[in-house]
Amino acid sequence: MIESRCGVRCDICERKKDVKCLGCINMSKPFWGGECHVKSCSEQRGYNHCGQCNEFPCDTLSNMGKAEGYDPLLKIEQCKKWLIG
């Protein structure tokens, strides 16, 4: 089951309840109220997640969350798993 556009596993997210996040697939905007460029790009291209894109993994996804200390490789690997099925 695909849970996000970028590869975040919403089902195991520890912050989900605290920030009242329903997952980006179920929300028009991210829980923080701004814009998620990965979400926007994926939806504009008609993809369920980034792994379906021929530019995967792009710079946007590859750098997503790095400034906040998150490892984008985990999301990239999850998108690969969703692509395989």
N, C-alpha and C. Protein backbone atom coordinates (compact mmCIF):
# COMPACT_ATOMS: atom_id res chain seq x y z
N MET A 1 0.84 -1.18 0.00
CA MET A 1 0.00 0.00 0.00
C MET A 1 0.88 1.24 0.00
N ILE A 2 0.65 2.12 -0.92
CA ILE A 2 1.40 3.36 -1.02
C ILE A 2 0.83 4.34 0.00
N GLU A 3 1.70 4.93 0.80
CA GLU A 3 1.27 5.79 1.91
C GLU A 3 1.63 7.25 1.72
N SER A 4 2.59 7.52 0.84
CA SER A 4 3.04 8.89 0.63
C SER A 4 3.59 9.00 -0.79
N ARG A 5 3.85 10.21 -1.22
CA ARG A 5 4.44 10.42 -2.54
C ARG A 5 5.94 10.20 -2.53
N CYS A 6 6.58 10.48 -1.38
CA CYS A 6 8.03 10.49 -1.29
C CYS A 6 8.64 9.21 -0.73
N GLY A 7 7.84 8.33 -0.19
CA GLY A 7 8.38 7.10 0.39
C GLY A 7 8.33 7.05 1.90
N VAL A 8 7.77 8.06 2.54
CA VAL A 8 7.59 8.02 4.00
C VAL A 8 6.58 6.92 4.33
N ARG A 9 6.91 6.11 5.31
CA ARG A 9 6.00 5.06 5.77
C ARG A 9 5.09 5.64 6.84
N CYS A 10 3.95 6.14 6.44
CA CYS A 10 3.01 6.78 7.36
C CYS A 10 2.53 5.82 8.44
N ASP A 11 2.46 4.54 8.12
CA ASP A 11 1.96 3.56 9.08
C ASP A 11 2.87 3.40 10.30
N ILE A 12 4.14 3.78 10.17
CA ILE A 12 5.06 3.66 11.30
C ILE A 12 5.57 5.02 11.79
N CYS A 13 5.01 6.10 11.27
CA CYS A 13 5.44 7.44 11.66
C CYS A 13 5.03 7.73 13.10
N GLU A 14 6.01 8.10 13.91
CA GLU A 14 5.74 8.39 15.32
C GLU A 14 5.15 9.78 15.54
N ARG A 15 5.30 10.65 14.57
CA ARG A 15 4.82 12.03 14.71
C ARG A 15 3.41 12.24 14.16
N LYS A 16 2.89 11.27 13.47
CA LYS A 16 1.63 11.41 12.75
C LYS A 16 0.49 11.98 13.60
N LYS A 17 0.27 11.41 14.77
CA LYS A 17 -0.82 11.87 15.63
C LYS A 17 -0.55 13.24 16.21
N ASP A 18 0.70 13.47 16.61
CA ASP A 18 1.06 14.75 17.22
C ASP A 18 0.83 15.93 16.30
N VAL A 19 1.08 15.74 15.00
CA VAL A 19 0.95 16.85 14.05
C VAL A 19 -0.36 16.77 13.26
N LYS A 20 -1.21 15.81 13.63
CA LYS A 20 -2.52 15.62 12.97
C LYS A 20 -2.38 15.42 11.46
N CYS A 21 -1.47 14.54 11.11
CA CYS A 21 -1.21 14.24 9.70
C CYS A 21 -2.00 13.01 9.27
N LEU A 22 -2.68 13.13 8.16
CA LEU A 22 -3.44 12.01 7.60
C LEU A 22 -2.68 11.33 6.47
N GLY A 23 -1.47 11.81 6.22
CA GLY A 23 -0.68 11.32 5.09
C GLY A 23 -0.94 12.19 3.88
N CYS A 24 0.10 12.48 3.13
CA CYS A 24 -0.03 13.45 2.05
C CYS A 24 -0.99 12.98 0.95
N ILE A 25 -1.17 11.70 0.82
CA ILE A 25 -2.10 11.20 -0.20
C ILE A 25 -3.53 11.58 0.16
N ASN A 26 -3.80 11.72 1.45
CA ASN A 26 -5.14 12.04 1.93
C ASN A 26 -5.35 13.51 2.27
N MET A 27 -4.34 14.34 2.01
CA MET A 27 -4.43 15.76 2.37
C MET A 27 -4.09 16.61 1.15
N SER A 28 -4.75 17.75 1.02
CA SER A 28 -4.44 18.63 -0.11
C SER A 28 -3.14 19.38 0.11
N LYS A 29 -2.80 19.66 1.37
CA LYS A 29 -1.53 20.31 1.72
C LYS A 29 -0.88 19.50 2.83
N PRO A 30 0.43 19.59 2.95
CA PRO A 30 1.10 18.89 4.05
C PRO A 30 0.64 19.41 5.41
N PHE A 31 0.87 18.65 6.44
CA PHE A 31 0.40 19.02 7.78
C PHE A 31 0.96 20.36 8.24
N TRP A 32 2.11 20.78 7.72
CA TRP A 32 2.69 22.05 8.14
C TRP A 32 2.08 23.23 7.42
N GLY A 33 1.22 22.97 6.43
CA GLY A 33 0.48 24.04 5.76
C GLY A 33 1.17 24.67 4.58
N GLY A 34 2.43 24.37 4.38
CA GLY A 34 3.17 24.92 3.25
C GLY A 34 3.00 24.06 2.01
N GLU A 35 4.01 24.08 1.17
CA GLU A 35 3.99 23.26 -0.03
C GLU A 35 5.10 22.23 0.04
N CYS A 36 4.79 21.03 -0.34
CA CYS A 36 5.80 19.98 -0.48
C CYS A 36 6.06 19.82 -1.97
N HIS A 37 7.25 20.15 -2.39
CA HIS A 37 7.57 20.10 -3.81
C HIS A 37 7.55 18.67 -4.36
N VAL A 38 7.88 17.72 -3.53
CA VAL A 38 7.84 16.32 -3.95
C VAL A 38 6.38 15.89 -4.18
N LYS A 39 5.50 16.23 -3.26
CA LYS A 39 4.08 15.91 -3.40
C LYS A 39 3.50 16.57 -4.65
N SER A 40 3.77 17.86 -4.81
CA SER A 40 3.24 18.60 -5.95
C SER A 40 3.72 18.01 -7.27
N CYS A 41 5.00 17.74 -7.36
CA CYS A 41 5.58 17.20 -8.59
C CYS A 41 4.97 15.85 -8.94
N SER A 42 4.92 14.97 -7.97
CA SER A 42 4.38 13.63 -8.19
C SER A 42 2.92 13.69 -8.64
N GLU A 43 2.12 14.51 -7.99
CA GLU A 43 0.70 14.62 -8.34
C GLU A 43 0.51 15.28 -9.70
N GLN A 44 1.30 16.29 -10.02
CA GLN A 44 1.18 16.95 -11.33
C GLN A 44 1.53 16.00 -12.46
N ARG A 45 2.43 15.09 -12.21
CA ARG A 45 2.84 14.12 -13.23
C ARG A 45 1.94 12.89 -13.26
N GLY A 46 1.02 12.81 -12.30
CA GLY A 46 0.07 11.70 -12.27
C GLY A 46 0.63 10.42 -11.67
N TYR A 47 1.66 10.55 -10.84
CA TYR A 47 2.26 9.38 -10.21
C TYR A 47 1.72 9.18 -8.80
N ASN A 48 1.64 7.93 -8.40
CA ASN A 48 1.27 7.61 -7.03
C ASN A 48 2.41 7.92 -6.06
N HIS A 49 3.63 7.75 -6.53
CA HIS A 49 4.82 8.03 -5.72
C HIS A 49 6.00 8.28 -6.66
N CYS A 50 7.06 8.82 -6.11
CA CYS A 50 8.23 9.22 -6.89
C CYS A 50 8.90 8.08 -7.64
N GLY A 51 8.81 6.89 -7.13
CA GLY A 51 9.46 5.75 -7.77
C GLY A 51 8.95 5.46 -9.16
N GLN A 52 7.80 5.97 -9.52
CA GLN A 52 7.23 5.76 -10.84
C GLN A 52 7.79 6.71 -11.90
N CYS A 53 8.54 7.70 -11.47
CA CYS A 53 9.05 8.74 -12.37
C CYS A 53 10.34 8.29 -13.05
N ASN A 54 10.51 8.65 -14.31
CA ASN A 54 11.73 8.28 -15.02
C ASN A 54 12.93 9.12 -14.58
N GLU A 55 12.71 10.15 -13.77
CA GLU A 55 13.80 10.97 -13.23
C GLU A 55 14.17 10.55 -11.80
N PHE A 56 13.57 9.49 -11.32
CA PHE A 56 13.78 8.98 -9.96
C PHE A 56 15.17 8.39 -9.81
N PRO A 57 15.86 8.68 -8.74
CA PRO A 57 15.57 9.69 -7.73
C PRO A 57 16.14 11.05 -8.15
N CYS A 58 15.30 12.03 -8.14
CA CYS A 58 15.71 13.38 -8.55
C CYS A 58 16.40 14.10 -7.40
N ASP A 59 16.94 15.28 -7.69
CA ASP A 59 17.62 16.06 -6.65
C ASP A 59 16.66 16.47 -5.53
N THR A 60 15.42 16.79 -5.90
CA THR A 60 14.45 17.21 -4.89
C THR A 60 14.23 16.11 -3.86
N LEU A 61 13.97 14.91 -4.33
CA LEU A 61 13.75 13.78 -3.41
C LEU A 61 15.04 13.41 -2.69
N SER A 62 16.15 13.43 -3.40
CA SER A 62 17.44 13.03 -2.83
C SER A 62 17.92 13.97 -1.73
N ASN A 63 17.41 15.19 -1.71
CA ASN A 63 17.81 16.15 -0.69
C ASN A 63 16.71 16.45 0.31
N MET A 64 15.55 15.84 0.14
CA MET A 64 14.41 16.10 1.00
C MET A 64 14.71 15.71 2.45
N GLY A 65 14.62 16.68 3.33
CA GLY A 65 14.80 16.45 4.76
C GLY A 65 16.23 16.45 5.24
N LYS A 66 17.20 16.55 4.35
CA LYS A 66 18.61 16.53 4.77
C LYS A 66 18.92 17.65 5.75
N ALA A 67 18.42 18.84 5.48
CA ALA A 67 18.70 19.99 6.34
C ALA A 67 18.15 19.79 7.76
N GLU A 68 17.11 18.96 7.87
CA GLU A 68 16.50 18.69 9.17
C GLU A 68 17.09 17.44 9.81
N GLY A 69 18.07 16.83 9.18
CA GLY A 69 18.74 15.66 9.74
C GLY A 69 18.16 14.32 9.35
N TYR A 70 17.27 14.29 8.36
CA TYR A 70 16.67 13.03 7.92
C TYR A 70 17.46 12.43 6.76
N ASP A 71 17.46 11.13 6.67
CA ASP A 71 18.17 10.42 5.61
C ASP A 71 17.21 10.13 4.45
N PRO A 72 17.39 10.81 3.32
CA PRO A 72 16.49 10.60 2.18
C PRO A 72 16.59 9.19 1.59
N LEU A 73 17.68 8.50 1.84
CA LEU A 73 17.86 7.17 1.27
C LEU A 73 16.76 6.20 1.71
N LEU A 74 16.27 6.37 2.94
CA LEU A 74 15.19 5.50 3.43
C LEU A 74 13.94 5.66 2.59
N LYS A 75 13.61 6.90 2.21
CA LYS A 75 12.42 7.15 1.39
C LYS A 75 12.64 6.64 -0.04
N ILE A 76 13.83 6.82 -0.55
CA ILE A 76 14.15 6.35 -1.90
C ILE A 76 14.01 4.83 -1.97
N GLU A 77 14.55 4.15 -0.97
CA GLU A 77 14.45 2.68 -0.94
C GLU A 77 12.99 2.22 -0.83
N GLN A 78 12.18 2.95 -0.07
CA GLN A 78 10.76 2.58 0.05
C GLN A 78 10.03 2.75 -1.28
N CYS A 79 10.32 3.82 -1.99
CA CYS A 79 9.71 4.01 -3.32
C CYS A 79 10.08 2.88 -4.25
N LYS A 80 11.31 2.41 -4.18
CA LYS A 80 11.74 1.27 -5.00
C LYS A 80 10.92 0.02 -4.66
N LYS A 81 10.68 -0.19 -3.36
CA LYS A 81 9.89 -1.34 -2.92
C LYS A 81 8.46 -1.25 -3.44
N TRP A 82 7.87 -0.03 -3.37
CA TRP A 82 6.50 0.14 -3.88
C TRP A 82 6.44 -0.08 -5.38
N LEU A 83 7.49 0.28 -6.10
CA LEU A 83 7.52 0.12 -7.54
C LEU A 83 7.52 -1.36 -7.92
N ILE A 84 8.27 -2.13 -7.17
CA ILE A 84 8.36 -3.58 -7.43
C ILE A 84 7.05 -4.28 -7.05
N GLY A 85 6.39 -3.74 -6.04
CA GLY A 85 5.10 -4.29 -5.64
C GLY A 85 5.20 -5.21 -4.53
